[in-house]
């Protein structure tokens, strides 16, 4: 007859194994991500100000989804940030 303690030990071991697998996969994905995009610092500033501008909010969502923006979009983001920070 199986006792409850044996079941709990097996469940705990399975939980620990699942967590370890997720951590290993997350580290591998972070390592394989590659170098940061050239516009990443700019987009971090844009995300901080996204609540003040619908344009910055939209571009931030696109950057998160695609991982890049065009140079023309980056220039527009720079101008929008300058306008918001000038206020």
N, C-alpha and C. Protein backbone atom coordinates (compact mmCIF):
# COMPACT_ATOMS: atom_id res chain seq x y z
N UNK A 1 0.84 -1.18 0.00
CA UNK A 1 0.00 0.00 0.00
C UNK A 1 0.89 1.25 0.00
N UNK A 2 0.55 2.18 -0.90
CA UNK A 2 1.32 3.42 -1.02
C UNK A 2 0.88 4.37 0.08
N UNK A 3 1.87 4.99 0.70
CA UNK A 3 1.55 5.94 1.75
C UNK A 3 1.57 7.36 1.20
N UNK A 4 0.88 8.24 1.88
CA UNK A 4 0.77 9.62 1.44
C UNK A 4 2.11 10.33 1.41
N UNK A 5 3.00 9.96 2.29
CA UNK A 5 4.32 10.62 2.31
C UNK A 5 5.09 10.30 1.03
N UNK A 6 4.97 9.08 0.54
CA UNK A 6 5.63 8.71 -0.71
C UNK A 6 5.07 9.50 -1.89
N UNK A 7 3.79 9.69 -1.90
CA UNK A 7 3.14 10.47 -2.96
C UNK A 7 3.60 11.92 -2.90
N UNK A 8 3.68 12.47 -1.70
CA UNK A 8 4.11 13.86 -1.55
C UNK A 8 5.57 14.03 -1.96
N UNK A 9 6.41 13.07 -1.64
CA UNK A 9 7.81 13.14 -2.03
C UNK A 9 7.93 13.10 -3.55
N UNK A 10 7.20 12.21 -4.19
CA UNK A 10 7.23 12.11 -5.65
C UNK A 10 6.71 13.40 -6.31
N UNK A 11 5.66 13.95 -5.76
CA UNK A 11 5.11 15.20 -6.31
C UNK A 11 6.10 16.35 -6.13
N UNK A 12 6.74 16.41 -4.99
CA UNK A 12 7.75 17.45 -4.74
C UNK A 12 8.93 17.32 -5.70
N UNK A 13 9.38 16.09 -5.92
CA UNK A 13 10.49 15.87 -6.85
C UNK A 13 10.10 16.27 -8.27
N UNK A 14 8.89 15.98 -8.68
CA UNK A 14 8.42 16.36 -10.01
C UNK A 14 8.34 17.88 -10.14
N UNK A 15 7.91 18.55 -9.10
CA UNK A 15 7.82 20.01 -9.11
C UNK A 15 9.21 20.63 -9.22
N UNK A 16 10.16 20.13 -8.47
CA UNK A 16 11.53 20.64 -8.53
C UNK A 16 12.12 20.42 -9.91
N UNK A 17 11.90 19.25 -10.50
CA UNK A 17 12.42 18.97 -11.84
C UNK A 17 11.80 19.91 -12.87
N UNK A 18 10.52 20.19 -12.75
CA UNK A 18 9.87 21.11 -13.70
C UNK A 18 10.44 22.51 -13.58
N UNK A 19 10.69 22.96 -12.37
CA UNK A 19 11.25 24.30 -12.17
C UNK A 19 12.66 24.38 -12.74
N UNK A 20 13.46 23.36 -12.50
CA UNK A 20 14.83 23.33 -13.02
C UNK A 20 14.83 23.37 -14.54
N UNK A 21 13.94 22.63 -15.16
CA UNK A 21 13.86 22.62 -16.63
C UNK A 21 13.49 24.01 -17.15
N UNK A 22 12.54 24.68 -16.51
CA UNK A 22 12.15 26.03 -16.94
C UNK A 22 13.29 27.03 -16.80
N UNK A 23 14.05 26.93 -15.71
CA UNK A 23 15.17 27.85 -15.50
C UNK A 23 16.24 27.62 -16.56
N UNK A 24 16.55 26.37 -16.83
CA UNK A 24 17.56 26.05 -17.84
C UNK A 24 17.13 26.56 -19.21
N UNK A 25 15.88 26.36 -19.57
CA UNK A 25 15.39 26.84 -20.87
C UNK A 25 15.40 28.36 -20.95
N UNK A 26 15.06 29.04 -19.86
CA UNK A 26 15.06 30.50 -19.86
C UNK A 26 16.48 31.04 -20.02
N UNK A 27 17.44 30.42 -19.36
CA UNK A 27 18.83 30.86 -19.50
C UNK A 27 19.34 30.63 -20.92
N UNK A 28 18.99 29.50 -21.50
CA UNK A 28 19.42 29.22 -22.87
C UNK A 28 18.80 30.22 -23.85
N UNK A 29 17.54 30.56 -23.64
CA UNK A 29 16.89 31.53 -24.52
C UNK A 29 17.53 32.91 -24.38
N UNK A 30 17.88 33.29 -23.17
CA UNK A 30 18.52 34.59 -22.95
C UNK A 30 19.90 34.61 -23.60
N UNK A 31 20.61 33.51 -23.54
CA UNK A 31 21.93 33.43 -24.16
C UNK A 31 21.84 33.50 -25.68
N UNK A 32 20.81 32.93 -26.24
CA UNK A 32 20.65 32.89 -27.69
C UNK A 32 19.98 34.13 -28.25
N UNK A 33 19.60 35.05 -27.39
CA UNK A 33 18.89 36.25 -27.84
C UNK A 33 19.75 37.12 -28.74
N UNK A 34 21.04 37.13 -28.48
CA UNK A 34 21.93 37.92 -29.31
C UNK A 34 22.17 39.29 -28.71
N UNK A 35 22.92 40.11 -29.41
CA UNK A 35 23.24 41.44 -28.89
C UNK A 35 22.01 42.34 -28.88
N UNK A 36 22.07 43.33 -28.02
CA UNK A 36 20.96 44.27 -27.93
C UNK A 36 20.85 45.06 -29.22
N UNK A 37 19.64 45.41 -29.58
CA UNK A 37 19.39 46.20 -30.80
C UNK A 37 19.91 47.61 -30.59
N UNK A 38 20.32 48.24 -31.65
CA UNK A 38 20.90 49.59 -31.58
C UNK A 38 19.93 50.61 -31.00
N UNK A 39 18.63 50.40 -31.18
CA UNK A 39 17.64 51.35 -30.68
C UNK A 39 17.09 50.97 -29.30
N UNK A 40 17.66 49.97 -28.68
CA UNK A 40 17.12 49.51 -27.39
C UNK A 40 17.13 50.60 -26.30
N UNK A 41 18.22 51.34 -26.09
CA UNK A 41 18.17 52.39 -25.06
C UNK A 41 17.11 53.46 -25.35
N UNK A 42 16.98 53.81 -26.62
CA UNK A 42 15.96 54.78 -27.01
C UNK A 42 14.56 54.27 -26.68
N UNK A 43 14.33 53.00 -26.96
CA UNK A 43 13.01 52.43 -26.72
C UNK A 43 12.73 52.25 -25.23
N UNK A 44 13.75 52.07 -24.43
CA UNK A 44 13.54 52.02 -22.98
C UNK A 44 13.05 53.38 -22.48
N UNK A 45 13.62 54.47 -23.00
CA UNK A 45 13.14 55.80 -22.65
C UNK A 45 11.71 56.00 -23.15
N UNK A 46 11.44 55.50 -24.35
CA UNK A 46 10.09 55.63 -24.91
C UNK A 46 9.07 54.87 -24.07
N UNK A 47 9.44 53.68 -23.58
CA UNK A 47 8.52 52.91 -22.74
C UNK A 47 8.23 53.64 -21.44
N UNK A 48 9.23 54.32 -20.91
CA UNK A 48 9.02 55.07 -19.67
C UNK A 48 8.04 56.21 -19.87
N UNK A 49 8.00 56.78 -21.07
CA UNK A 49 7.11 57.90 -21.36
C UNK A 49 5.86 57.49 -22.14
N UNK A 50 5.64 56.21 -22.31
CA UNK A 50 4.55 55.72 -23.16
C UNK A 50 3.17 56.14 -22.64
N UNK A 51 3.04 56.32 -21.34
CA UNK A 51 1.73 56.71 -20.81
C UNK A 51 1.37 58.15 -21.16
N UNK A 52 2.34 58.94 -21.61
CA UNK A 52 2.09 60.34 -21.95
C UNK A 52 1.85 60.55 -23.45
N UNK A 53 2.09 59.51 -24.26
CA UNK A 53 1.94 59.67 -25.71
C UNK A 53 1.43 58.37 -26.34
N UNK A 54 0.32 58.45 -27.07
CA UNK A 54 -0.17 57.25 -27.74
C UNK A 54 0.81 56.75 -28.81
N UNK A 55 1.53 57.67 -29.45
CA UNK A 55 2.51 57.28 -30.45
C UNK A 55 3.63 56.45 -29.83
N UNK A 56 4.16 56.91 -28.69
CA UNK A 56 5.23 56.16 -28.03
C UNK A 56 4.73 54.81 -27.54
N UNK A 57 3.50 54.77 -27.10
CA UNK A 57 2.91 53.50 -26.67
C UNK A 57 2.84 52.51 -27.83
N UNK A 58 2.39 53.00 -28.98
CA UNK A 58 2.27 52.14 -30.17
C UNK A 58 3.62 51.64 -30.63
N UNK A 59 4.60 52.53 -30.69
CA UNK A 59 5.92 52.14 -31.16
C UNK A 59 6.58 51.18 -30.16
N UNK A 60 6.34 51.37 -28.87
CA UNK A 60 6.89 50.47 -27.86
C UNK A 60 6.32 49.06 -28.02
N UNK A 61 5.01 48.98 -28.28
CA UNK A 61 4.40 47.65 -28.50
C UNK A 61 4.98 46.99 -29.74
N UNK A 62 5.17 47.76 -30.80
CA UNK A 62 5.75 47.20 -32.03
C UNK A 62 7.17 46.73 -31.79
N UNK A 63 7.95 47.50 -31.03
CA UNK A 63 9.34 47.11 -30.75
C UNK A 63 9.38 45.82 -29.94
N UNK A 64 8.48 45.69 -28.97
CA UNK A 64 8.43 44.47 -28.17
C UNK A 64 8.06 43.27 -29.04
N UNK A 65 7.15 43.48 -29.98
CA UNK A 65 6.70 42.38 -30.83
C UNK A 65 7.73 41.99 -31.87
N UNK A 66 8.36 42.99 -32.51
CA UNK A 66 9.27 42.72 -33.62
C UNK A 66 10.73 42.66 -33.22
N UNK A 67 11.09 43.37 -32.17
CA UNK A 67 12.48 43.41 -31.75
C UNK A 67 13.31 44.45 -32.47
N UNK A 68 12.68 45.23 -33.34
CA UNK A 68 13.40 46.29 -34.04
C UNK A 68 12.43 47.35 -34.55
N UNK A 69 12.98 48.53 -34.84
CA UNK A 69 12.23 49.59 -35.49
C UNK A 69 13.13 50.17 -36.57
N UNK A 70 12.52 50.85 -37.53
CA UNK A 70 13.31 51.44 -38.61
C UNK A 70 14.01 52.71 -38.11
N UNK A 71 14.99 53.15 -38.86
CA UNK A 71 15.70 54.38 -38.50
C UNK A 71 14.76 55.58 -38.54
N UNK A 72 13.83 55.56 -39.48
CA UNK A 72 12.86 56.66 -39.58
C UNK A 72 11.95 56.70 -38.34
N UNK A 73 11.52 55.52 -37.90
CA UNK A 73 10.71 55.47 -36.68
C UNK A 73 11.52 55.92 -35.47
N UNK A 74 12.78 55.54 -35.43
CA UNK A 74 13.65 55.94 -34.31
C UNK A 74 13.79 57.45 -34.25
N UNK A 75 13.92 58.07 -35.40
CA UNK A 75 14.03 59.53 -35.43
C UNK A 75 12.74 60.18 -34.95
N UNK A 76 11.59 59.63 -35.34
CA UNK A 76 10.31 60.15 -34.88
C UNK A 76 10.16 59.97 -33.37
N UNK A 77 10.65 58.85 -32.85
CA UNK A 77 10.60 58.61 -31.40
C UNK A 77 11.48 59.62 -30.68
N UNK A 78 12.67 59.88 -31.21
CA UNK A 78 13.56 60.88 -30.60
C UNK A 78 12.88 62.24 -30.51
N UNK A 79 12.22 62.64 -31.60
CA UNK A 79 11.52 63.93 -31.62
C UNK A 79 10.38 63.96 -30.61
N UNK A 80 9.63 62.85 -30.53
CA UNK A 80 8.51 62.79 -29.59
C UNK A 80 9.00 62.85 -28.16
N UNK A 81 10.09 62.16 -27.87
CA UNK A 81 10.65 62.19 -26.51
C UNK A 81 11.13 63.60 -26.18
N UNK A 82 11.77 64.26 -27.13
CA UNK A 82 12.25 65.62 -26.90
C UNK A 82 11.09 66.57 -26.62
N UNK A 83 9.96 66.42 -27.35
CA UNK A 83 8.80 67.27 -27.12
C UNK A 83 8.21 67.03 -25.73
N UNK A 84 8.13 65.76 -25.34
CA UNK A 84 7.54 65.44 -24.03
C UNK A 84 8.45 65.93 -22.91
N UNK A 85 9.75 65.73 -23.06
CA UNK A 85 10.67 66.14 -22.00
C UNK A 85 10.81 67.67 -21.92
N UNK A 86 10.50 68.37 -22.99
CA UNK A 86 10.59 69.84 -23.00
C UNK A 86 9.44 70.47 -22.18
N UNK A 87 8.38 69.73 -22.00
CA UNK A 87 7.22 70.27 -21.26
C UNK A 87 7.51 70.46 -19.81
